[in-house]
Amino acid sequence: MKVSLALAPMLFRRCPPIGLAYLAAFLRAGGHQVSVLDLNTDALLPEDGNEDSWNDRSFVSGYEAKNPGLLEAWAEKLLAGDPGVVGFSLWNSNRHLTFRLADLVKRRKPGCLVVFGGPHINFENEQLLRRCPAADVLVAGEGESALLELVERCERGESAENCPGTYFRSGGRVCRAAPRQNIPSLDSLPFPDYRDFSLEKYYLPTALPLSFNRGCLRRCEFCNIHADWPAYRHRSAANIYAEMLQQLDRHAGLDHFMIDSSALNQDIRQLEALCDLILAGGRAFVWGGMAMFRPEMTSGLLKKMFAAGCRDLSYGLESGSQKIVDSMRKGFRLEQAAQCLRDTSAAGIEVSLNLIVGAPGETEEDLRATMDFLRANRDCIDFVGSPSEMTLTAGIPLQLDPVKFGIDPGPGAIGTSWSAGGNTHEVRQDRIRRFNDFLSREAIGRFSPQGRLRAIKTEKPG
């Protein structure tokens, strides 16, 4: 069967989306014809980095008015070849435009099955089917097996109802099917297929995303990764290295892998074995991504990682207050974090930090402790991202059990309208403003999404 997959505009054009590449490879391995459209690479899009703009319904309406016929042309592209299934990757920042495209597709071909998947399903799930009549099915969590079953049902002329791992309509009601078992072995997945992506149109044209694992060993109170991937699974070092070699052979000029996982160092034995394979193989390329603080990240391992091409690690510090780190179940001591920063920097690997402002129980003293931690370790820190406001998203422990954390969730029970005593949205925004002023005043590393990408080193290791 012919299947079209699409990602509506949402983010700056960093590199191709790995999720759609995995879905395309999985469906093709099942014998189906697949076309993929990443509409973020369309030449008519405004300047990159405007994620907040796409999240604004009025901006989307205005953009459509300024570009008459563009969305209709995109819908026609999606329907080229007469697909039986059209799938959209749904994110918070592209949902308004996705709804419009889905509606246009459904009007042109009422009989096609329109499927939504992606991260935003965890935020609204069944509400999406009420808000967007054009959508027929939502795939929740890991999408490969569920989408393949939906395509095969459609090919046989069968109903999409009760497909495990989905939300669907039945008799005018929105229903949820039984959960679907996650794929037990990630090594069994075909490697992501990027043949439909024009790499030269991305901000990093010589980079591709690559996954080490799915899920997370830790259970941070603010994270919803377990809604998609309840169990942690990792690929073998040999499987990862085989993909690296295949992608390098397929894509001329490729020299950089951006590790698209919650943390690339969750399995230390896997990480060290991969470094050994890279060093023995003699191919020159660089890589990096998110990492967690842990004592196993020794000076010796970090030096080996650098020798194997690792050039950037982004750590989730979140707070410089041990009280907040513990309350959010981050799983590290600040002394360990400081040592890890020193060793990472000394190994020659670029260091960046992610921060969250406004955790339940956070006080002005805790905010000052974070500032003090950054001052004390400033020589080891290359970049600090603008801190994120603590947000209640569907499925995270803070949202599932707000009473435990002293939270009044406010209207809707998700978003930033929650409060915990004097910890309100307005207070958190003021703290973020003052924290950003602190970073600028102290000249501690700052970056925008585009600036961060420019700073990532893509030179050959050695």
Protein backbone atom coordinates (compact mmCIF):
# COMPACT_ATOMS: atom_id res chain seq x y z
CA MET A 1 0.00 0.00 0.00
CA LYS A 2 1.05 3.59 -0.62
CA VAL A 3 1.65 5.62 2.56
CA SER A 4 2.49 9.31 2.95
CA LEU A 5 4.16 10.62 6.09
CA ALA A 6 4.58 14.30 6.92
CA LEU A 7 5.96 16.73 9.46
CA ALA A 8 4.34 20.18 9.34
CA PRO A 9 6.52 23.24 10.08
CA MET A 10 7.46 23.49 13.74
CA LEU A 11 11.18 23.99 14.42
CA PHE A 12 14.39 25.35 13.01
CA ARG A 13 15.82 23.02 10.39
CA ARG A 14 18.46 21.20 12.41
CA CYS A 15 18.54 17.80 10.71
CA PRO A 16 15.99 15.24 9.41
CA PRO A 17 13.47 13.92 11.96
CA ILE A 18 14.54 10.45 13.09
CA GLY A 19 11.01 9.30 13.95
CA LEU A 20 9.72 9.58 10.39
CA ALA A 21 12.89 7.92 9.07
CA TYR A 22 12.33 4.94 11.39
CA LEU A 23 8.66 4.67 10.36
CA ALA A 24 9.54 4.84 6.67
CA ALA A 25 12.16 2.10 7.02
CA PHE A 26 9.81 -0.13 9.02
CA LEU A 27 6.94 0.21 6.55
CA ARG A 28 9.25 -0.36 3.58
CA ALA A 29 10.60 -3.49 5.23
CA GLY A 30 6.95 -4.61 5.42
CA GLY A 31 6.60 -4.24 1.66
CA HIS A 32 4.80 -0.87 1.50
CA GLN A 33 5.52 2.19 -0.64
CA VAL A 34 6.31 5.23 1.48
CA SER A 35 6.90 8.90 0.72
CA VAL A 36 8.05 11.35 3.41
CA LEU A 37 7.64 15.12 3.43
CA ASP A 38 9.43 17.29 5.97
CA LEU A 39 7.72 20.59 5.25
CA ASN A 40 10.20 22.44 7.46
CA THR A 41 12.58 22.40 4.51
CA ASP A 42 10.19 24.23 2.21
CA ALA A 43 11.88 27.32 0.76
CA LEU A 44 8.83 29.51 1.49
CA LEU A 45 9.08 29.13 5.25
CA PRO A 46 10.04 32.13 7.41
CA GLU A 47 13.34 32.38 9.27
CA ASP A 48 14.33 29.33 11.34
CA GLY A 49 14.01 29.17 15.09
CA ASN A 50 10.41 30.42 15.22
CA GLU A 51 8.95 27.52 17.18
CA ASP A 52 6.81 29.84 19.30
CA SER A 53 5.34 31.43 16.19
CA TRP A 54 4.05 28.13 14.82
CA ASN A 55 2.45 27.49 18.21
CA ASP A 56 0.31 30.61 17.71
CA ARG A 57 -2.97 29.94 15.91
CA SER A 58 -3.17 33.53 14.61
CA PHE A 59 0.36 33.27 13.17
CA VAL A 60 -0.61 30.11 11.29
CA SER A 61 -3.76 31.79 9.93
CA GLY A 62 -1.73 34.83 8.89
CA TYR A 63 0.93 32.69 7.27
CA GLU A 64 -1.69 30.84 5.26
CA ALA A 65 -3.23 34.15 4.15
CA LYS A 66 0.17 35.48 3.04
CA ASN A 67 0.90 32.32 1.07
CA PRO A 68 -2.35 31.52 -0.76
CA GLY A 69 -2.44 28.05 -2.18
CA LEU A 70 0.62 26.79 -0.30
CA LEU A 71 -1.20 24.47 2.10
CA GLU A 72 -3.32 23.17 -0.78
CA ALA A 73 -0.10 22.42 -2.69
CA TRP A 74 1.29 20.56 0.33
CA ALA A 75 -1.90 18.54 0.59
CA GLU A 76 -1.62 17.63 -3.08
CA LYS A 77 1.95 16.45 -2.51
CA LEU A 78 0.79 14.27 0.33
CA LEU A 79 -1.87 12.71 -1.87
CA ALA A 80 0.41 12.16 -4.87
CA GLY A 81 0.33 8.51 -5.83
CA ASP A 82 -3.08 8.00 -4.18
CA PRO A 83 -1.99 6.84 -0.69
CA GLY A 84 -4.40 4.84 1.41
CA VAL A 85 -2.86 6.13 4.66
CA VAL A 86 -1.56 9.63 5.46
CA GLY A 87 0.34 9.99 8.72
CA PHE A 88 1.32 13.20 10.53
CA SER A 89 3.95 13.61 13.24
CA LEU A 90 2.25 15.86 15.77
CA TRP A 91 4.14 18.21 18.09
CA ASN A 92 2.87 20.99 20.32
CA SER A 93 4.39 23.60 18.03
CA ASN A 94 2.94 22.27 14.77
CA ARG A 95 -0.51 21.12 15.83
CA HIS A 96 -2.49 24.05 14.34
CA LEU A 97 -0.93 23.65 10.91
CA THR A 98 -1.21 19.87 11.10
CA PHE A 99 -4.95 20.17 11.78
CA ARG A 100 -5.34 22.36 8.69
CA LEU A 101 -3.35 19.99 6.47
CA ALA A 102 -5.25 16.96 7.76
CA ASP A 103 -8.53 18.71 6.96
CA LEU A 104 -7.38 19.53 3.43
CA VAL A 105 -6.23 15.94 2.87
CA LYS A 106 -9.53 14.52 4.16
CA ARG A 107 -11.59 16.82 1.97
CA ARG A 108 -9.68 15.79 -1.14
CA LYS A 109 -9.71 12.08 -0.33
CA PRO A 110 -12.38 11.24 2.26
CA GLY A 111 -11.61 7.54 2.08
CA CYS A 112 -7.96 7.75 3.17
CA LEU A 113 -7.00 6.89 6.75
CA VAL A 114 -5.50 9.92 8.53
CA VAL A 115 -3.23 8.96 11.42
CA PHE A 116 -1.63 11.21 14.04
CA GLY A 117 1.42 10.12 16.02
CA GLY A 118 4.30 11.87 17.74
CA PRO A 119 5.03 13.53 21.09
CA HIS A 120 1.90 15.69 21.32
CA ILE A 121 -0.32 12.62 21.63
CA ASN A 122 0.83 12.45 25.26
CA PHE A 123 -0.41 15.98 25.91
CA GLU A 124 -3.99 15.69 24.68
CA ASN A 125 -4.59 12.12 23.40
CA GLU A 126 -8.34 11.54 22.93
CA GLN A 127 -9.06 15.31 22.99
CA LEU A 128 -7.27 15.53 19.63
CA LEU A 129 -9.90 13.40 17.93
CA ARG A 130 -12.55 15.83 19.18
CA ARG A 131 -10.59 18.89 18.08
CA CYS A 132 -9.63 17.55 14.66
CA PRO A 133 -12.46 15.65 12.92
CA ALA A 134 -10.14 14.87 9.99
CA ALA A 135 -7.97 12.60 12.16
CA ASP A 136 -9.18 9.00 12.26
CA VAL A 137 -6.66 7.36 14.60
CA LEU A 138 -4.02 8.39 17.12
CA VAL A 139 -0.95 6.24 17.68
CA ALA A 140 0.26 6.58 21.26
CA GLY A 141 3.87 5.88 22.13
CA GLU A 142 6.16 3.75 19.98
CA GLY A 143 4.74 3.90 16.50
CA GLU A 144 6.35 1.37 14.17
CA SER A 145 4.28 -1.75 14.90
CA ALA A 146 0.98 0.11 15.38
CA LEU A 147 1.32 2.06 12.13
CA LEU A 148 2.25 -1.09 10.23
CA GLU A 149 -0.85 -2.87 11.54
CA LEU A 150 -3.05 0.10 10.61
CA VAL A 151 -1.62 0.13 7.08
CA GLU A 152 -2.14 -3.61 6.69
CA ARG A 153 -5.72 -3.36 7.97
CA CYS A 154 -6.41 -0.55 5.53
CA GLU A 155 -4.91 -2.59 2.70
CA ARG A 156 -7.27 -5.47 3.54
CA GLY A 157 -10.26 -3.14 3.83
CA GLU A 158 -10.62 -3.78 7.57
CA SER A 159 -11.58 -1.34 10.32
CA ALA A 160 -8.94 0.56 12.27
CA GLU A 161 -10.92 0.11 15.48
CA ASN A 162 -9.26 -1.53 18.48
CA CYS A 163 -5.78 -1.61 16.95
CA PRO A 164 -3.52 -1.99 20.02
CA GLY A 165 -1.67 1.19 20.93
CA THR A 166 -4.21 3.59 19.43
CA TYR A 167 -7.13 5.91 20.13
CA PHE A 168 -10.02 5.68 17.67
CA ARG A 169 -13.66 6.67 17.10
CA SER A 170 -16.51 4.22 17.45
CA GLY A 171 -20.21 5.01 17.49
CA GLY A 172 -19.57 8.73 17.96
CA ARG A 173 -17.30 8.10 20.96
CA VAL A 174 -13.54 8.35 21.35
CA CYS A 175 -12.13 5.04 22.57
CA ARG A 176 -8.74 3.74 23.59
CA ALA A 177 -7.51 0.34 22.46
CA ALA A 178 -5.39 -1.92 24.62
CA PRO A 179 -1.75 -0.84 25.06
CA ARG A 180 0.74 -2.26 22.59
CA GLN A 181 3.83 -4.12 23.71
CA ASN A 182 6.99 -2.20 22.82
CA ILE A 183 9.44 -3.78 20.38
CA PRO A 184 11.61 -5.96 22.64
CA SER A 185 14.85 -5.75 20.65
CA LEU A 186 15.87 -2.44 19.09
CA ASP A 187 18.51 -4.31 17.09
CA SER A 188 15.63 -5.89 15.15
CA LEU A 189 14.58 -2.52 13.70
CA PRO A 190 15.75 -1.56 10.20
CA PHE A 191 18.04 1.44 10.22
CA PRO A 192 16.30 4.81 9.69
CA ASP A 193 15.82 5.57 6.00
CA TYR A 194 16.60 9.17 4.99
CA ARG A 195 16.26 8.75 1.22
CA ASP A 196 13.34 11.23 1.00
CA PHE A 197 15.13 13.99 2.90
CA SER A 198 17.25 16.62 1.15
CA LEU A 199 20.11 16.91 3.61
CA GLU A 200 21.46 20.05 1.98
CA LYS A 201 18.32 21.93 3.09
CA TYR A 202 19.04 21.43 6.79
CA TYR A 203 21.00 23.69 9.08
CA LEU A 204 23.60 20.96 9.57
CA PRO A 205 23.72 19.37 6.11
CA THR A 206 26.45 16.89 7.06
CA ALA A 207 24.70 15.59 10.22
CA LEU A 208 22.11 12.90 10.91
CA PRO A 209 20.33 11.92 14.13
CA LEU A 210 21.06 8.48 15.57
CA SER A 211 19.49 6.62 18.48
CA PHE A 212 21.37 4.68 21.18
CA ASN A 213 18.34 3.67 23.22
CA ARG A 214 14.65 4.22 23.98
CA GLY A 215 13.29 5.04 27.41
CA CYS A 216 15.26 6.00 30.48
CA LEU A 217 16.71 4.26 33.52
CA ARG A 218 15.79 7.19 35.75
CA ARG A 219 12.34 8.42 36.70
CA CYS A 220 12.57 12.19 36.97
CA GLU A 221 9.35 13.65 38.34
CA PHE A 222 8.96 16.15 35.47
CA CYS A 223 9.59 13.80 32.53
CA ASN A 224 7.02 11.94 30.41
CA ILE A 225 9.39 9.76 28.42
CA HIS A 226 7.94 6.68 30.14
CA ALA A 227 4.56 7.41 28.58
CA ASP A 228 6.06 6.59 25.18
CA TRP A 229 8.62 4.02 26.30
CA PRO A 230 7.72 2.44 29.66
CA ALA A 231 10.73 0.13 29.62
CA TYR A 232 14.31 1.11 28.92
CA ARG A 233 15.89 -0.70 25.96
CA HIS A 234 19.25 -0.15 24.32
CA ARG A 235 20.84 -1.14 21.05
CA SER A 236 24.04 -3.17 20.96
CA ALA A 237 27.27 -1.34 20.21
CA ALA A 238 27.71 -3.48 17.08
CA ASN A 239 24.25 -2.51 15.79
CA ILE A 240 24.88 1.20 16.38
CA TYR A 241 28.26 1.05 14.67
CA ALA A 242 26.80 -0.86 11.72
CA GLU A 243 24.25 1.93 11.24
CA MET A 244 26.97 4.57 11.44
CA LEU A 245 28.90 2.85 8.66
CA GLN A 246 25.79 2.37 6.52
CA GLN A 247 24.73 6.01 6.83
CA LEU A 248 28.28 7.21 6.09
CA ASP A 249 28.31 5.08 2.93
CA ARG A 250 24.84 6.21 1.84
CA HIS A 251 25.28 9.95 2.34
CA ALA A 252 28.28 11.67 0.80
CA GLY A 253 29.82 14.28 3.08
CA LEU A 254 28.17 12.97 6.25
CA ASP A 255 30.54 13.46 9.20
CA HIS A 256 28.39 14.05 12.28
CA PHE A 257 25.85 12.02 14.28
CA MET A 258 23.56 13.82 16.71
CA ILE A 259 22.57 11.21 19.32
CA ASP A 260 18.79 11.38 19.65
CA SER A 261 18.22 9.67 23.01
CA SER A 262 17.30 10.80 26.51
CA ALA A 263 20.94 10.10 27.44
CA LEU A 264 23.67 8.44 25.42
CA ASN A 265 25.50 7.13 28.50
CA GLN A 266 22.80 5.03 30.13
CA ASP A 267 24.68 1.81 29.36
CA ILE A 268 28.36 2.41 30.04
CA ARG A 269 29.46 -0.96 28.66
CA GLN A 270 27.63 -0.25 25.41
CA LEU A 271 29.20 3.20 25.22
CA GLU A 272 32.75 1.98 25.82
CA ALA A 273 32.30 -0.93 23.38
CA LEU A 274 31.09 1.50 20.72
CA CYS A 275 34.15 3.69 21.28
CA ASP A 276 36.37 0.64 20.83
CA LEU A 277 34.64 -0.25 17.55
CA ILE A 278 34.98 3.31 16.23
CA LEU A 279 38.66 3.47 17.16
CA ALA A 280 39.36 0.10 15.58
CA GLY A 281 37.40 0.94 12.44
CA GLY A 282 39.39 4.02 11.48
CA ARG A 283 36.45 6.01 10.02
CA ALA A 284 36.54 9.72 10.88
CA PHE A 285 33.32 11.35 12.13
CA VAL A 286 32.07 13.16 15.23
CA TRP A 287 29.09 12.66 17.52
CA GLY A 288 27.50 13.91 20.73
CA GLY A 289 24.21 14.44 22.53
CA MET A 290 22.38 14.37 25.85
CA ALA A 291 24.07 12.70 28.82
CA MET A 292 23.33 12.12 32.49
CA PHE A 293 25.62 12.73 35.45
CA ARG A 294 26.90 9.46 36.84
CA PRO A 295 30.13 8.37 38.60
CA GLU A 296 30.98 5.90 35.81
CA MET A 297 31.74 8.85 33.53
CA THR A 298 35.40 8.74 34.49
CA SER A 299 38.23 10.82 33.11
CA GLY A 300 39.54 7.76 31.26
CA LEU A 301 36.20 7.01 29.59
CA LEU A 302 35.70 10.62 28.56
CA LYS A 303 39.17 10.73 26.99
CA LYS A 304 38.35 7.55 25.07
CA MET A 305 35.07 9.10 23.93
CA PHE A 306 36.93 12.14 22.63
CA ALA A 307 39.40 9.94 20.78
CA ALA A 308 36.41 8.12 19.22
CA GLY A 309 34.89 11.38 17.98
CA CYS A 310 32.64 12.60 20.80
CA ARG A 311 32.73 16.39 20.69
CA ASP A 312 29.71 17.62 22.68
CA LEU A 313 27.74 16.45 25.73
CA SER A 314 24.63 18.17 27.05
CA TYR A 315 23.92 17.39 30.71
CA GLY A 316 20.56 17.74 32.44
CA LEU A 317 21.59 19.62 35.57
CA GLU A 318 18.15 21.26 36.05
CA SER A 319 19.15 22.83 39.40
CA GLY A 320 22.21 23.64 41.49
CA SER A 321 20.29 22.95 44.70
CA GLN A 322 20.73 19.43 46.04
CA LYS A 323 17.29 19.69 47.64
CA ILE A 324 15.66 20.27 44.26
CA VAL A 325 17.83 17.69 42.50
CA ASP A 326 16.71 15.11 45.07
CA SER A 327 13.04 16.12 45.03
CA MET A 328 12.98 15.73 41.24
CA ARG A 329 14.68 12.30 41.52
CA LYS A 330 17.55 13.26 39.24
CA GLY A 331 19.76 10.61 40.82
CA PHE A 332 23.08 12.41 41.28
CA ARG A 333 25.04 14.40 43.82
CA LEU A 334 26.17 17.88 42.88
CA GLU A 335 29.77 16.99 43.78
CA GLN A 336 29.58 14.22 41.16
CA ALA A 337 28.14 16.65 38.64
CA ALA A 338 30.94 19.15 39.22
CA GLN A 339 33.60 16.46 38.82
CA CYS A 340 31.94 15.21 35.64
CA LEU A 341 31.92 18.74 34.20
CA ARG A 342 35.63 19.14 34.97
CA ASP A 343 36.54 15.78 33.45
CA THR A 344 34.39 16.32 30.34
CA SER A 345 35.92 19.73 29.69
CA ALA A 346 39.45 18.46 30.35
CA ALA A 347 38.90 15.68 27.80
CA GLY A 348 38.21 18.34 25.14
CA ILE A 349 34.47 17.70 24.91
CA GLU A 350 32.16 20.72 24.71
CA VAL A 351 29.86 21.01 27.74
CA SER A 352 26.33 22.39 27.78
CA LEU A 353 23.74 22.39 30.56
CA ASN A 354 19.95 22.26 30.66
CA LEU A 355 18.09 23.95 33.52
CA ILE A 356 14.54 24.07 34.84
CA VAL A 357 13.19 26.92 36.95
CA GLY A 358 10.24 26.61 39.29
CA ALA A 359 10.18 23.05 40.59
CA PRO A 360 7.69 22.55 43.46
CA GLY A 361 9.41 23.59 46.65
CA GLU A 362 11.95 25.81 44.91
CA THR A 363 12.79 28.98 46.84
CA GLU A 364 14.89 32.04 46.16
CA GLU A 365 17.66 30.31 48.12
CA ASP A 366 17.51 27.36 45.71
CA LEU A 367 17.71 29.72 42.74
CA ARG A 368 20.79 31.36 44.27
CA ALA A 369 22.32 27.91 44.81
CA THR A 370 21.98 27.23 41.08
CA MET A 371 23.68 30.52 40.29
CA ASP A 372 26.46 29.71 42.75
CA PHE A 373 26.98 26.29 41.16
CA LEU A 374 27.35 27.85 37.72
CA ARG A 375 29.79 30.48 39.01
CA ALA A 376 31.92 27.83 40.69
CA ASN A 377 32.08 25.70 37.55
CA ARG A 378 32.01 28.36 34.86
CA ASP A 379 35.42 27.40 33.45
CA CYS A 380 34.04 23.94 32.56
CA ILE A 381 30.81 25.16 30.94
CA ASP A 382 30.66 26.16 27.29
CA PHE A 383 26.91 26.80 27.03
CA VAL A 384 23.89 27.17 29.27
CA GLY A 385 20.47 27.01 27.69
CA SER A 386 17.78 29.47 28.59
CA PRO A 387 16.07 27.79 31.55
CA SER A 388 12.71 26.15 30.98
CA GLU A 389 9.72 26.80 33.19
CA MET A 390 8.54 23.72 35.07
CA THR A 391 5.48 22.57 33.12
CA LEU A 392 2.82 20.01 33.92
CA THR A 393 2.53 17.67 30.96
CA ALA A 394 0.24 14.68 30.70
CA GLY A 395 1.62 11.53 32.26
CA ILE A 396 4.45 12.95 34.36
CA PRO A 397 4.46 12.21 38.11
CA LEU A 398 3.94 15.90 38.96
CA GLN A 399 0.74 15.87 36.92
CA LEU A 400 -0.49 12.42 37.92
CA ASP A 401 -0.19 13.05 41.68
CA PRO A 402 -0.15 16.83 42.24
CA VAL A 403 -1.20 16.55 45.90
CA LYS A 404 2.00 14.65 46.69
CA PHE A 405 4.00 17.69 45.52
CA GLY A 406 1.73 20.34 47.04
CA ILE A 407 0.54 21.45 43.61
CA ASP A 408 -2.72 23.13 42.70
CA PRO A 409 -2.84 22.15 39.00
CA GLY A 410 -5.16 24.97 38.01
CA PRO A 411 -7.55 24.82 35.03
CA GLY A 412 -6.89 21.96 32.65
CA ALA A 413 -4.36 20.23 34.92
CA ILE A 414 -1.61 20.68 32.33
CA GLY A 415 0.56 23.60 31.25
CA THR A 416 2.11 26.39 33.30
CA SER A 417 -0.93 27.68 35.21
CA TRP A 418 -0.20 25.47 38.24
CA SER A 419 0.87 26.84 41.60
CA ALA A 420 2.41 25.52 44.80
CA GLY A 421 2.02 28.06 47.55
CA GLY A 422 3.81 31.19 46.33
CA ASN A 423 5.30 29.32 43.38
CA THR A 424 3.10 30.65 40.58
CA HIS A 425 3.53 31.07 36.83
CA GLU A 426 4.24 34.77 37.33
CA VAL A 427 6.88 34.04 39.96
CA ARG A 428 8.53 31.44 37.73
CA GLN A 429 8.62 33.82 34.78
CA ASP A 430 10.21 36.50 36.95
CA ARG A 431 12.84 34.02 38.14
CA ILE A 432 13.61 33.03 34.56
CA ARG A 433 14.03 36.70 33.61
CA ARG A 434 16.37 37.32 36.54
CA PHE A 435 18.26 34.12 35.86
CA ASN A 436 18.83 35.09 32.23
CA ASP A 437 20.06 38.50 33.41
CA PHE A 438 22.47 36.69 35.72
CA LEU A 439 23.85 34.56 32.87
CA SER A 440 24.41 37.64 30.71
CA ARG A 441 25.91 39.67 33.54
CA GLU A 442 28.30 36.90 34.55
CA ALA A 443 29.14 36.06 30.92
CA ILE A 444 28.39 32.40 31.50
CA GLY A 445 27.82 30.55 28.22
CA ARG A 446 24.56 31.41 26.43
CA PHE A 447 23.10 30.25 23.15
CA SER A 448 20.08 30.36 20.91
CA PRO A 449 19.10 27.19 19.03
CA GLN A 450 20.83 28.45 15.90
CA GLY A 451 23.87 29.70 17.80
CA ARG A 452 24.24 26.38 19.55
CA LEU A 453 24.27 24.59 16.22
CA ARG A 454 26.91 26.90 14.82
CA ALA A 455 29.09 26.14 17.82
CA ILE A 456 28.93 22.35 17.48
CA LYS A 457 32.27 21.18 16.15
CA THR A 458 31.97 19.13 12.99
CA GLU A 459 35.65 18.81 12.17
CA LYS A 460 37.08 15.34 11.77
CA PRO A 461 38.47 13.88 15.01
CA GLY A 462 42.16 13.45 15.39
